[in-house]
């Protein structure tokens, strides 16, 4: 009987000790989190991030750990502009958050970080493909795939970029998206030195979207194609047509004069092949 009583007392002491330890931990975490938010409010971002990271390290899955991750991600992304660090926090949210919407938004942020801010197009492709697997909205998927096509282009993978563009053009897309894809296709041809295809593509854009073509300097790209093809007359004609609207007309005039000299020195230059 005495042994049982002693055993019960030992269990009770263990339970109470555990309770106070856990209570102390929880209270300590709450106080630390409050301190971090105060540092954040007073724009002491580095100090706030140190505390948030400590709380995340203790337990990234509990309520305070998750909230610390959210705050640290926002701080790194919007305030300190430490995008590598922000990506780390968003990845933690994808792993430990039970909110599907939050996981999707975190993956969107990661893809944006690598594509828009770090311009790491190899990782962009990886993260965009992950995003495509998570996203159900068809219109959003189109947006991601356009970025995917651009990432391949920036990596000089012109074959894959063109494949993505041609598949996207088969979809029901907005006029603005179609224009962006046509411009990208023209730039792919130009980068590949397929000058005839590039010239045809840029001519189509100038014809269908004259205002946007002016804003994006498509006329200049078309003039470059004609110049490379030694069709100086067509190049001059294009430059003359854009000179009055160009931000630097004197620059366009200098190019025209240079082309006129080349035209004089090389009579009978071949034009755009049919």
Foldseek 3Di string as FASTA:
>chain_A
DVVVVVVVVVVVVVVVVVVVVVVVVVVVLVVLLVVLVVCVVVVVLVVSLVSLVVSLVVPCQDPSNVVSLVVNLCCCVPPVVVLVSNLVSLVSCLVHPPDLVSVLVSLVSNLCCCVPPVVVLVVNLVSLVVSLVSDDDPQVNLVSLLSNLVSCVVVVVLVVSVVSLVVSVVDPDDPVSVLSSLQVNLVSCVVVVVLLVNLVSLVVCCVPPVVVCLVVVSLQVNLVSFVVQVVLVVSLVSLVVNLVVDPCNVVSVVVSVVSVVVCVVDPPRDGRDD
